[in-house]
């Protein structure tokens, strides 16, 4: 009988024929299924190898672990690392890896000691120069790779990008479509990386004969066709759209509850009992209990017996946390909530509404000024860790961080490139506060809408342009252009609006209400740069929320 008829026994220690008869006398600690050319991986007594269909060893060598043969080669763990062997137990190539997959279509994904993935040929040759955060198996000549920012795309057998579109998550193609996820949910994309329809889902399965099973965000299960239309409803929604909409409408409950907890000192009082919070924060008899339970519903605090304590989420509300959101809680529950009350007027035609000058308001309120810029520093510390590396500076440039706040990004740049000369250009009141907090940086008091009086090799505008409408943004860009030499670099750090979806649109409305500004798509930034004399040379998504847009000054 052929090895093809052999199966792993129920106990997993040997192989059996289709009729249940034992295939050989040997017994192992663990066996796996047979693969062409008729060999199976086995493990016994801390050693691993491959056997033939009669249970005898296929070769004399022993390994730490062995896996099945694919396209004539098997991945194994040797004493000095991962590699592939031929059916006679010989190395297929001299190299070693930190991990190796299986060969499919003449390519195999491997990982090096630095954690980077790439593909090799059966001879062990590297297929392309790029290194990826992850690389998957090939199917139909295409594979999924993940970049360092966490986004994924497809490459061909030579490692070239197939469509150049990037997704939050991605699968290989099946019958002309691949499962893909963007910031709004799961969908199917075609070979050009284009969504097959506008809808997004909680989960999707591959298409089977033109139809796919999907789960909607409300918990409903459907069968859709390739246009995204519903063909069959398998399960009705598990959540009411009425209730979902109502939950959005009362979102201010959460904002005000968190703001009150910070303002009343409840966060700083924990851990404590309900009665201790009542006394420490001078609350009414049932006030502490009602507030703590509401915070518990949001996962900000948790109760153990009679004591309440902050959760990991709640710790961010402590004033001394390096990423404190205490100031943000006060801003959102107070001034920002008041601003949002004017949204109808801001959108109505022929309205007399004007965008507030939030920067001037903050500058003339000493207490709010400190808290507002601490809030911005927390967001910067959370989101900017990858930026200094993504800039790819030589290390000796003159860099202007325009509108750089308390200098968080400037510090990161200096830490990565100590010989770089970094100047933070900011409003006078911000410089006055920041200089006492961060020694060592160069500071320049100034106005972004007036000549900067500086010379630079590179300019950083991090979350600056989104505070302004297009005319003002172009004015800032022109001042940046003036301080750079021909070929000088401009680095813009912003959250990008989706080109095809709606992700980021609520933040866009917030900017309208807070500053009169706007979020923008990559295409909109390219147009702004062109109008200010820059060529957009790169749009690089980072691992956190922001995207890095690189511009080069024309002659």
Protein backbone atom coordinates (compact mmCIF):
# COMPACT_ATOMS: atom_id res chain seq x y z
CA UNK A 1 0.00 0.00 0.00
CA UNK A 2 1.14 3.55 -0.75
CA UNK A 3 2.19 6.09 1.89
CA UNK A 4 -0.69 8.19 0.57
CA UNK A 5 -3.14 5.88 2.35
CA UNK A 6 -1.47 6.29 5.74
CA UNK A 7 -2.97 8.48 8.46
CA UNK A 8 -1.88 9.67 11.88
CA UNK A 9 -3.29 7.41 14.59
CA UNK A 10 -5.77 8.89 17.11
CA UNK A 11 -3.07 8.86 19.80
CA UNK A 12 -0.61 10.64 17.49
CA UNK A 13 2.28 8.22 18.09
CA UNK A 14 2.29 6.24 14.82
CA UNK A 15 0.60 5.89 11.44
CA UNK A 16 -2.24 3.56 10.45
CA UNK A 17 -3.77 2.33 7.21
CA UNK A 18 -7.25 3.35 6.11
CA UNK A 19 -8.62 0.12 7.63
CA UNK A 20 -7.08 1.02 11.01
CA UNK A 21 -4.19 -1.45 10.83
CA UNK A 22 -0.85 -0.32 12.26
CA UNK A 23 1.56 0.60 9.45
CA UNK A 24 4.83 -0.36 11.23
CA UNK A 25 6.20 -1.55 14.56
CA UNK A 26 7.91 1.70 15.64
CA UNK A 27 6.27 4.04 18.18
CA UNK A 28 7.15 7.73 18.57
CA UNK A 29 6.34 10.57 20.92
CA UNK A 30 4.71 12.45 18.03
CA UNK A 31 4.16 11.93 14.31
CA UNK A 32 2.70 14.07 11.54
CA UNK A 33 1.16 13.31 8.16
CA UNK A 34 3.13 12.08 5.16
CA UNK A 35 4.07 14.52 2.40
CA UNK A 36 5.62 13.89 -1.02
CA UNK A 37 8.03 12.22 -1.60
CA UNK A 38 6.53 9.90 1.02
CA UNK A 39 8.19 11.10 4.23
CA UNK A 40 6.65 12.08 7.57
CA UNK A 41 8.09 14.19 10.43
CA UNK A 42 8.48 12.36 13.76
CA UNK A 43 9.74 13.22 17.24
CA UNK A 44 11.05 10.96 20.00
CA UNK A 45 13.25 11.47 23.03
CA UNK A 46 14.07 15.10 22.26
CA UNK A 47 15.15 14.37 18.69
CA UNK A 48 13.32 14.79 15.38
CA UNK A 49 13.73 13.37 11.88
CA UNK A 50 11.67 12.01 8.96
CA UNK A 51 10.57 8.43 8.39
CA UNK A 52 9.57 6.36 5.39
CA UNK A 53 6.24 4.53 5.18
CA UNK A 54 7.70 1.46 6.94
CA UNK A 55 8.74 3.57 9.96
CA UNK A 56 12.46 3.48 9.13
CA UNK A 57 14.55 6.69 9.19
CA UNK A 58 14.92 8.49 5.87
CA UNK A 59 18.45 9.58 6.86
CA UNK A 60 20.89 9.46 9.79
CA UNK A 61 20.78 13.11 10.94
CA UNK A 62 18.69 14.29 13.91
CA UNK A 63 17.17 17.70 14.52
CA UNK A 64 15.40 19.64 17.26
CA UNK A 65 12.19 19.63 15.22
CA UNK A 66 11.10 18.68 11.71
CA UNK A 67 8.20 19.70 9.49
CA UNK A 68 6.60 18.40 6.30
CA UNK A 69 8.14 18.46 2.82
CA UNK A 70 6.84 21.06 0.39
CA UNK A 71 8.15 21.26 -3.17
CA UNK A 72 10.87 18.76 -2.22
CA UNK A 73 12.22 20.61 0.83
CA UNK A 74 11.35 20.45 4.53
CA UNK A 75 11.83 23.13 7.17
CA UNK A 76 13.76 21.90 10.21
CA UNK A 77 15.22 23.31 13.41
CA UNK A 78 18.88 22.36 13.63
CA UNK A 79 21.09 23.01 16.63
CA UNK A 80 22.32 26.25 15.03
CA UNK A 81 19.02 27.55 13.63
CA UNK A 82 16.25 27.00 11.10
CA UNK A 83 16.91 25.80 7.57
CA UNK A 84 15.59 23.45 4.86
CA UNK A 85 16.73 19.96 4.01
CA UNK A 86 16.38 17.63 1.03
CA UNK A 87 14.73 14.17 1.38
CA UNK A 88 18.14 12.58 2.12
CA UNK A 89 18.62 14.91 5.12
CA UNK A 90 21.18 17.21 3.48
CA UNK A 91 21.10 21.01 3.81
CA UNK A 92 19.42 22.63 0.83
CA UNK A 93 21.66 25.69 1.29
CA UNK A 94 24.31 26.79 3.83
CA UNK A 95 22.36 29.59 5.58
CA UNK A 96 20.42 29.61 8.85
CA UNK A 97 17.38 31.62 9.94
CA UNK A 98 15.54 32.54 13.12
CA UNK A 99 12.46 30.89 11.56
CA UNK A 100 11.53 29.42 8.19
CA UNK A 101 8.23 28.53 6.56
CA UNK A 102 7.42 26.15 3.72
CA UNK A 103 8.19 26.49 0.02
CA UNK A 104 5.28 27.34 -2.23
CA UNK A 105 5.69 28.45 -5.83
CA UNK A 106 9.46 28.37 -5.43
CA UNK A 107 9.46 30.89 -2.60
CA UNK A 108 9.64 30.57 1.19
CA UNK A 109 9.17 33.18 3.90
CA UNK A 110 11.94 33.35 6.51
CA UNK A 111 12.74 35.56 9.50
CA UNK A 112 16.20 36.81 10.46
CA UNK A 113 17.68 37.43 13.91
CA UNK A 114 16.50 41.05 13.83
CA UNK A 115 12.88 39.95 13.40
CA UNK A 116 12.66 40.96 9.72
CA UNK A 117 10.86 38.77 7.14
CA UNK A 118 11.69 38.17 3.48
CA UNK A 119 11.49 35.38 0.87
CA UNK A 120 14.17 33.01 -0.36
CA UNK A 121 14.52 30.60 -3.29
CA UNK A 122 15.15 26.83 -2.88
CA UNK A 123 18.87 27.60 -3.24
CA UNK A 124 18.66 29.92 -0.23
CA UNK A 125 19.05 33.09 -2.31
CA UNK A 126 17.23 36.23 -1.15
CA UNK A 127 14.57 37.21 -3.69
CA UNK A 128 14.53 41.00 -3.11
CA UNK A 129 16.34 43.58 -0.94
CA UNK A 130 13.37 44.74 1.14
CA UNK A 131 12.75 43.54 4.68
CA UNK A 132 9.24 43.30 6.09
CA UNK A 133 7.63 43.19 9.49
CA UNK A 134 5.90 40.03 8.22
CA UNK A 135 5.76 38.07 4.97
CA UNK A 136 3.27 35.32 4.12
CA UNK A 137 3.13 32.40 1.68
CA UNK A 138 2.63 32.86 -2.05
CA UNK A 139 -0.59 31.85 -3.76
CA UNK A 140 -1.18 32.37 -7.48
CA UNK A 141 2.08 34.32 -7.70
CA UNK A 142 1.23 36.86 -4.97
CA UNK A 143 2.02 37.14 -1.25
CA UNK A 144 1.00 39.45 1.59
CA UNK A 145 3.72 41.50 3.30
CA UNK A 146 3.43 43.86 6.25
CA UNK A 147 5.51 47.04 6.57
CA UNK A 148 6.90 48.45 9.79
CA UNK A 149 3.89 50.74 10.22
CA UNK A 150 1.60 47.71 10.50
CA UNK A 151 -0.05 48.12 7.08
CA UNK A 152 -0.04 45.33 4.50
CA UNK A 153 0.05 45.01 0.72
CA UNK A 154 0.65 42.40 -2.01
CA UNK A 155 3.94 41.62 -3.76
CA UNK A 156 4.68 39.44 -6.80
CA UNK A 157 7.24 36.63 -7.09
CA UNK A 158 10.04 39.16 -7.61
CA UNK A 159 9.03 41.18 -4.54
CA UNK A 160 7.56 44.08 -6.50
CA UNK A 161 4.41 45.83 -5.25
CA UNK A 162 1.38 44.61 -7.17
CA UNK A 163 -0.99 47.56 -6.70
CA UNK A 164 0.70 49.79 -4.12
CA UNK A 165 -2.37 50.00 -1.89
CA UNK A 166 -1.95 49.44 1.84
CA UNK A 167 -4.43 48.02 4.34
CA UNK A 168 -4.75 47.55 8.09
CA UNK A 169 -4.99 43.80 7.44
CA UNK A 170 -4.95 41.71 4.30
CA UNK A 171 -5.25 38.18 2.92
CA UNK A 172 -4.05 36.46 -0.25
CA UNK A 173 -6.27 36.41 -3.33
CA UNK A 174 -8.92 33.76 -3.80
CA UNK A 175 -10.90 33.67 -7.04
CA UNK A 176 -9.85 37.22 -7.94
CA UNK A 177 -10.60 38.85 -4.59
CA UNK A 178 -8.69 39.28 -1.34
CA UNK A 179 -10.10 39.95 2.10
CA UNK A 180 -8.88 43.38 3.22
CA UNK A 181 -9.44 45.67 6.16
CA UNK A 182 -9.11 49.44 6.27
CA UNK A 183 -9.81 51.86 9.12
CA UNK A 184 -13.55 51.32 8.69
CA UNK A 185 -13.75 47.53 8.55
CA UNK A 186 -13.40 44.43 6.36
CA UNK A 187 -14.21 44.20 2.65
CA UNK A 188 -13.04 42.47 -0.54
CA UNK A 189 -10.57 44.05 -2.98
CA UNK A 190 -9.75 43.16 -6.58
CA UNK A 191 -6.33 42.53 -8.14
CA UNK A 192 -5.76 46.29 -8.37
CA UNK A 193 -6.40 46.63 -4.64
CA UNK A 194 -9.68 48.46 -5.25
CA UNK A 195 -12.67 47.78 -2.98
CA UNK A 196 -15.36 45.77 -4.71
CA UNK A 197 -18.07 47.81 -2.96
CA UNK A 198 -18.57 50.68 -0.48
CA UNK A 199 -19.81 48.62 2.48
CA UNK A 200 -17.59 47.55 5.38
CA UNK A 201 -18.10 44.62 7.74
CA UNK A 202 -17.00 43.25 11.09
CA UNK A 203 -15.71 40.12 9.31
CA UNK A 204 -15.78 38.63 5.81
CA UNK A 205 -15.06 35.20 4.34
CA UNK A 206 -13.56 34.61 0.86
CA UNK A 207 -15.93 34.50 -2.11
CA UNK A 208 -17.21 31.07 -3.04
CA UNK A 209 -18.88 30.87 -6.46
CA UNK A 210 -19.54 34.60 -6.45
CA UNK A 211 -20.90 34.88 -2.91
CA UNK A 212 -19.38 35.37 0.55
CA UNK A 213 -20.56 35.08 4.16
CA UNK A 214 -20.06 38.29 6.16
CA UNK A 215 -20.79 39.59 9.64
CA UNK A 216 -22.16 43.12 9.90
CA UNK A 217 -21.23 45.54 12.69
CA UNK A 218 -24.67 45.06 14.25
CA UNK A 219 -24.06 41.30 14.53
CA UNK A 220 -26.17 40.30 11.53
CA UNK A 221 -24.87 37.52 9.26
CA UNK A 222 -25.39 37.87 5.51
CA UNK A 223 -24.47 36.33 2.19
CA UNK A 224 -23.33 39.06 -0.21
CA UNK A 225 -22.48 39.03 -3.89
CA UNK A 226 -19.35 40.55 -5.43
CA UNK A 227 -21.01 43.98 -5.56
CA UNK A 228 -21.66 43.89 -1.81
CA UNK A 229 -25.42 43.46 -2.20
CA UNK A 230 -27.23 41.28 0.33
CA UNK A 231 -28.40 38.00 -1.17
CA UNK A 232 -29.50 36.17 1.99
CA UNK A 233 -29.83 37.21 5.64
CA UNK A 234 -28.57 34.31 7.77
CA UNK A 235 -29.07 36.02 11.14
CA UNK A 236 -30.87 39.23 12.05
CA UNK A 237 -28.99 42.05 13.78
CA UNK A 238 -28.04 41.35 17.39
CA UNK A 239 -28.02 45.07 18.15
CA UNK A 240 -30.72 47.58 17.40
CA UNK A 241 -29.79 50.44 15.08
CA UNK A 242 -32.12 52.56 17.22
CA UNK A 243 -30.09 51.70 20.32
CA UNK A 244 -26.80 52.21 18.48
CA UNK A 245 -27.83 55.67 17.34
CA UNK A 246 -29.07 56.53 20.81
CA UNK A 247 -25.70 55.50 22.25
CA UNK A 248 -23.96 57.93 19.90
CA UNK A 249 -26.35 60.70 20.92
CA UNK A 250 -25.50 60.36 24.62
CA UNK A 251 -21.74 60.21 24.12
CA UNK A 252 -21.49 63.48 26.05
CA UNK A 253 -22.44 61.52 29.17
CA UNK A 254 -19.03 59.88 29.07
CA UNK A 255 -17.17 63.11 28.33
CA UNK A 256 -18.79 64.95 31.22
CA UNK A 257 -18.39 62.04 33.65
CA UNK A 258 -14.67 61.76 32.98
CA UNK A 259 -14.21 65.52 33.17
CA UNK A 260 -16.06 65.65 36.49
CA UNK A 261 -13.95 62.85 37.96
CA UNK A 262 -10.77 64.76 37.14
CA UNK A 263 -12.08 68.16 38.23
CA UNK A 264 -13.44 66.84 41.55
CA UNK A 265 -10.19 65.09 42.41
CA UNK A 266 -11.70 61.60 42.38
CA UNK A 267 -8.95 60.21 40.15
CA UNK A 268 -6.19 61.38 42.48
CA UNK A 269 -8.07 60.05 45.54
CA UNK A 270 -7.99 56.44 44.36
CA UNK A 271 -7.48 53.76 45.54
CA UNK A 272 -10.04 54.35 48.27
CA UNK A 273 -13.40 53.29 49.60
CA UNK A 274 -16.56 55.09 48.56
CA UNK A 275 -16.77 56.85 51.91
CA UNK A 276 -13.12 57.92 51.71
CA UNK A 277 -13.70 59.44 48.27
CA UNK A 278 -16.78 61.21 49.62
CA UNK A 279 -14.75 62.85 52.40
CA UNK A 280 -11.56 63.56 50.44
CA UNK A 281 -13.42 65.14 47.50
CA UNK A 282 -16.17 66.79 49.60
CA UNK A 283 -18.99 65.11 47.67
CA UNK A 284 -22.64 64.66 48.60
CA UNK A 285 -23.56 61.43 50.36
CA UNK A 286 -24.39 59.37 47.27
CA UNK A 287 -22.28 61.36 44.79
CA UNK A 288 -19.11 59.29 45.07
CA UNK A 289 -20.92 55.99 44.64
CA UNK A 290 -22.86 57.14 41.58
CA UNK A 291 -19.78 58.62 39.94
CA UNK A 292 -17.55 55.61 40.68
CA UNK A 293 -20.09 53.17 39.27
CA UNK A 294 -20.34 55.26 36.08
CA UNK A 295 -16.55 55.25 35.78
CA UNK A 296 -16.63 51.50 36.33
CA UNK A 297 -19.06 51.09 33.43
CA UNK A 298 -16.44 52.72 31.20
CA UNK A 299 -13.63 50.52 32.50
CA UNK A 300 -11.84 53.44 34.14
CA UNK A 301 -12.13 52.11 37.70
CA UNK A 302 -12.80 48.67 39.19
CA UNK A 303 -14.08 47.61 42.60
CA UNK A 304 -12.48 44.94 44.76
CA UNK A 305 -14.55 44.34 47.90
CA UNK A 306 -15.13 47.88 49.28
CA UNK A 307 -12.17 49.53 47.56
CA UNK A 308 -12.19 51.30 44.22
CA UNK A 309 -8.99 51.57 42.14
CA UNK A 310 -8.00 52.84 38.71
CA UNK A 311 -7.68 50.33 35.89
CA UNK A 312 -4.84 50.48 33.38
CA UNK A 313 -7.08 52.72 31.27
CA UNK A 314 -7.88 54.95 34.21
CA UNK A 315 -4.21 55.48 35.07
CA UNK A 316 -3.93 57.80 32.07
CA UNK A 317 -6.12 60.29 33.98
CA UNK A 318 -3.57 60.74 36.75
CA UNK A 319 -1.96 64.17 36.62
CA UNK A 320 1.54 62.72 37.07
CA UNK A 321 1.24 60.06 34.36
CA UNK A 322 3.78 60.71 31.55
CA UNK A 323 0.90 60.39 29.07
CA UNK A 324 -1.66 62.12 31.26
CA UNK A 325 -5.07 62.79 29.72
CA UNK A 326 -6.29 64.71 32.76
CA UNK A 327 -5.92 68.03 30.96
CA UNK A 328 -7.65 66.62 27.87
CA UNK A 329 -10.60 65.54 30.05
CA UNK A 330 -11.02 69.12 31.31
CA UNK A 331 -10.70 70.60 27.81
CA UNK A 332 -13.18 68.24 26.19
CA UNK A 333 -15.74 68.49 28.99
CA UNK A 334 -15.43 72.29 29.13
CA UNK A 335 -14.28 74.65 26.35
CA UNK A 336 -14.44 72.11 23.53
CA UNK A 337 -17.96 71.02 24.44
CA UNK A 338 -19.06 74.65 24.37
CA UNK A 339 -17.47 75.10 20.93
CA UNK A 340 -19.30 72.06 19.55
CA UNK A 341 -22.62 73.65 20.54
CA UNK A 342 -22.12 76.05 17.62
CA UNK A 343 -21.83 73.28 15.00
CA UNK A 344 -25.18 74.06 13.27
CA UNK A 345 -24.15 77.70 12.84
CA UNK A 346 -20.71 76.69 11.60
CA UNK A 347 -22.31 74.60 8.85
CA UNK A 348 -25.28 76.82 7.99
CA UNK A 349 -25.16 78.95 4.85
CA UNK A 350 -25.03 82.72 5.41
CA UNK A 351 -24.20 82.19 9.08
CA UNK A 352 -22.35 84.86 11.07
CA UNK A 353 -20.29 82.17 12.84
CA UNK A 354 -16.53 82.60 12.83
CA UNK A 355 -13.96 80.03 13.91
CA UNK A 356 -12.63 80.75 17.39
CA UNK A 357 -9.01 81.79 17.84
CA UNK A 358 -8.34 79.00 20.30
CA UNK A 359 -4.62 79.73 20.40
CA UNK A 360 -5.24 83.33 21.48
CA UNK A 361 -7.87 82.22 24.01
CA UNK A 362 -5.43 79.73 25.52
CA UNK A 363 -2.60 82.29 25.56
CA UNK A 364 -4.68 84.72 27.67
CA UNK A 365 -5.72 82.11 30.25
CA UNK A 366 -2.62 81.14 32.22
CA UNK A 367 -4.11 78.03 33.87
CA UNK A 368 -5.68 76.79 30.66
CA UNK A 369 -2.49 77.49 28.71
CA UNK A 370 -0.45 75.14 30.88
CA UNK A 371 -3.08 72.40 30.78
CA UNK A 372 -3.75 72.76 27.05
CA UNK A 373 -0.09 72.32 26.14
CA UNK A 374 0.36 69.45 28.58
CA UNK A 375 -2.53 67.78 26.75
CA UNK A 376 -0.82 68.31 23.39
CA UNK A 377 2.44 66.97 24.85
CA UNK A 378 0.71 63.76 25.98
CA UNK A 379 -0.68 63.12 22.50
CA UNK A 380 2.74 63.87 21.01
CA UNK A 381 4.50 61.47 23.38
CA UNK A 382 2.01 58.75 22.50
CA UNK A 383 2.10 59.19 18.73
CA UNK A 384 5.58 60.44 17.82
CA UNK A 385 7.87 57.56 18.83
CA UNK A 386 8.40 56.37 15.24
CA UNK A 387 8.73 59.76 13.58
CA UNK A 388 12.39 60.57 14.28
CA UNK A 389 13.44 57.31 12.61
CA UNK A 390 11.04 57.77 9.71
CA UNK A 391 12.56 61.18 8.88
CA UNK A 392 15.77 59.42 7.75
CA UNK A 393 17.93 62.45 8.53
CA UNK A 394 21.66 62.35 7.85
CA UNK A 395 22.23 63.57 11.39
CA UNK A 396 23.90 66.95 10.84
CA UNK A 397 21.02 69.05 9.48
CA UNK A 398 19.58 72.31 10.72
CA UNK A 399 15.98 71.40 11.51
CA UNK A 400 13.13 73.78 12.31
CA UNK A 401 10.23 72.24 14.23
CA UNK A 402 7.62 74.88 13.42
CA UNK A 403 4.71 74.98 15.85
CA UNK A 404 6.56 72.33 17.89
CA UNK A 405 4.76 72.96 21.20
CA UNK A 406 6.75 71.83 24.23
CA UNK A 407 9.41 70.29 21.98
CA UNK A 408 8.46 66.62 22.36
CA UNK A 409 9.23 65.74 18.75
CA UNK A 410 12.33 67.94 18.76
CA UNK A 411 13.67 65.99 21.73
CA UNK A 412 13.09 62.70 19.93
CA UNK A 413 14.94 64.00 16.87
CA UNK A 414 17.88 65.11 19.02
CA UNK A 415 17.94 61.78 20.85
CA UNK A 416 18.19 59.95 17.53
CA UNK A 417 20.60 62.49 15.93
CA UNK A 418 22.62 64.29 18.63
CA UNK A 419 24.57 66.39 16.09
CA UNK A 420 21.41 67.80 14.53
CA UNK A 421 20.64 71.44 15.31
CA UNK A 422 16.93 71.64 16.13
CA UNK A 423 15.08 74.92 16.61
CA UNK A 424 11.51 75.00 17.88
CA UNK A 425 9.55 77.93 16.46
CA UNK A 426 6.55 78.72 18.68
CA UNK A 427 4.33 81.44 20.12
CA UNK A 428 6.03 83.53 22.84
CA UNK A 429 3.92 82.20 25.72
CA UNK A 430 4.66 78.59 24.73
CA UNK A 431 8.39 79.24 24.49
CA UNK A 432 8.32 80.91 27.92
CA UNK A 433 6.80 77.77 29.48
CA UNK A 434 8.77 75.21 27.48
CA UNK A 435 12.23 76.73 27.99
CA UNK A 436 12.01 76.09 31.73
CA UNK A 437 10.93 72.48 31.14
CA UNK A 438 13.32 71.39 28.39
CA UNK A 439 16.88 72.71 28.49
CA UNK A 440 19.19 72.12 25.55
CA UNK A 441 16.84 72.92 22.69
CA UNK A 442 17.05 76.05 20.58
CA UNK A 443 13.89 78.15 20.87
CA UNK A 444 12.61 80.93 18.63
CA UNK A 445 9.64 83.12 19.48
CA UNK A 446 7.65 83.80 16.36
CA UNK A 447 4.48 83.75 14.31
CA UNK A 448 3.99 81.08 11.66
CA UNK A 449 2.26 83.66 9.43
CA UNK A 450 5.19 86.06 9.44
CA UNK A 451 8.73 85.49 8.05
CA UNK A 452 10.53 83.08 10.34
CA UNK A 453 13.99 84.65 10.13
CA UNK A 454 15.70 81.24 10.05
CA UNK A 455 17.71 79.07 7.68
CA UNK A 456 17.15 75.31 7.67
CA UNK A 457 17.92 72.13 5.79
CA UNK A 458 14.63 70.56 6.91
CA UNK A 459 11.34 71.82 8.32
CA UNK A 460 8.89 69.79 10.40
CA UNK A 461 5.22 70.76 10.56
CA UNK A 462 3.69 68.28 12.96
CA UNK A 463 -0.07 68.59 13.43
CA UNK A 464 0.12 72.24 12.45
CA UNK A 465 -1.53 72.48 9.05
CA UNK A 466 -4.70 70.74 10.21
CA UNK A 467 -5.41 73.75 12.42
CA UNK A 468 -5.89 75.97 9.38
CA UNK A 469 -7.97 76.16 6.24
CA UNK A 470 -6.27 75.95 2.86
CA UNK A 471 -5.38 79.64 2.42
CA UNK A 472 -3.67 79.84 5.81
CA UNK A 473 -2.00 76.45 5.35
CA UNK A 474 -0.48 77.57 2.04
CA UNK A 475 0.80 80.73 3.74
CA UNK A 476 2.57 78.63 6.38
CA UNK A 477 3.99 76.35 3.70
CA UNK A 478 5.36 79.34 1.78
CA UNK A 479 7.19 80.54 4.90
CA UNK A 480 8.63 77.04 5.25
CA UNK A 481 9.66 77.18 1.60
CA UNK A 482 11.48 80.47 2.22
CA UNK A 483 13.79 79.07 4.92
CA UNK A 484 14.82 76.02 2.88
CA UNK A 485 17.42 75.76 0.11
CA UNK A 486 16.56 74.12 -3.22
CA UNK A 487 16.13 70.43 -2.50
CA UNK A 488 15.42 71.13 1.19
CA UNK A 489 13.02 68.74 2.88
CA UNK A 490 9.64 69.43 4.42
CA UNK A 491 8.17 66.83 6.79
CA UNK A 492 4.44 67.07 7.52
CA UNK A 493 2.99 64.86 10.24
CA UNK A 494 -0.80 64.55 10.13
CA UNK A 495 -3.65 62.07 10.34
CA UNK A 496 -4.90 61.44 6.80
CA UNK A 497 -8.52 61.29 5.80
CA UNK A 498 -9.46 58.16 3.88
CA UNK A 499 -9.51 58.69 0.11
CA UNK A 500 -12.45 56.32 -0.34
CA UNK A 501 -14.07 55.96 3.08
CA UNK A 502 -15.16 58.22 5.93
CA UNK A 503 -12.58 57.48 8.65
CA UNK A 504 -11.36 60.64 10.41
CA UNK A 505 -14.41 62.73 9.56
CA UNK A 506 -15.45 63.39 13.18
CA UNK A 507 -11.95 64.68 13.93
CA UNK A 508 -12.32 66.89 10.86
CA UNK A 509 -15.46 68.43 12.36
CA UNK A 510 -13.67 68.94 15.67
CA UNK A 511 -10.95 70.94 13.93
CA UNK A 512 -13.59 73.05 12.21
CA UNK A 513 -15.13 73.91 15.58
CA UNK A 514 -11.89 74.37 17.52
CA UNK A 515 -9.70 76.23 15.03
CA UNK A 516 -11.51 76.52 11.70
CA UNK A 517 -9.08 73.94 10.32
CA UNK A 518 -9.56 70.59 8.62
CA UNK A 519 -8.17 67.12 8.21
CA UNK A 520 -7.00 66.30 4.69
CA UNK A 521 -6.41 63.35 2.40
CA UNK A 522 -3.07 62.58 0.78
CA UNK A 523 -4.32 64.04 -2.51
CA UNK A 524 -5.28 67.29 -0.78
CA UNK A 525 -1.85 67.58 0.81
CA UNK A 526 -0.20 67.02 -2.58
CA UNK A 527 -2.21 69.94 -3.99
CA UNK A 528 -1.26 72.22 -1.08
CA UNK A 529 2.41 71.35 -1.44
CA UNK A 530 2.37 72.03 -5.17
CA UNK A 531 0.79 75.46 -4.63
CA UNK A 532 3.55 76.35 -2.14
CA UNK A 533 6.44 75.25 -4.37
CA UNK A 534 7.02 71.73 -3.05
CA UNK A 535 6.93 68.32 -4.70
CA UNK A 536 5.40 65.55 -2.61
CA UNK A 537 7.97 62.77 -2.68
CA UNK A 538 6.58 60.29 -0.15
CA UNK A 539 3.51 59.46 1.94
CA UNK A 540 4.50 57.07 4.72
CA UNK A 541 2.06 55.65 7.23
CA UNK A 542 3.49 55.26 10.71
CA UNK A 543 2.74 52.60 13.30
CA UNK A 544 0.69 55.08 15.35
CA UNK A 545 -2.10 57.34 14.09
CA UNK A 546 -0.08 59.93 12.10
CA UNK A 547 1.23 59.75 8.56
CA UNK A 548 4.49 61.33 7.37
CA UNK A 549 4.20 63.39 4.18
CA UNK A 550 7.54 64.39 2.68
CA UNK A 551 7.96 67.40 0.41
CA UNK A 552 11.00 68.65 -1.49
CA UNK A 553 11.48 72.33 -2.33
CA UNK A 554 11.63 73.13 -6.03
CA UNK A 555 14.44 75.33 -7.34
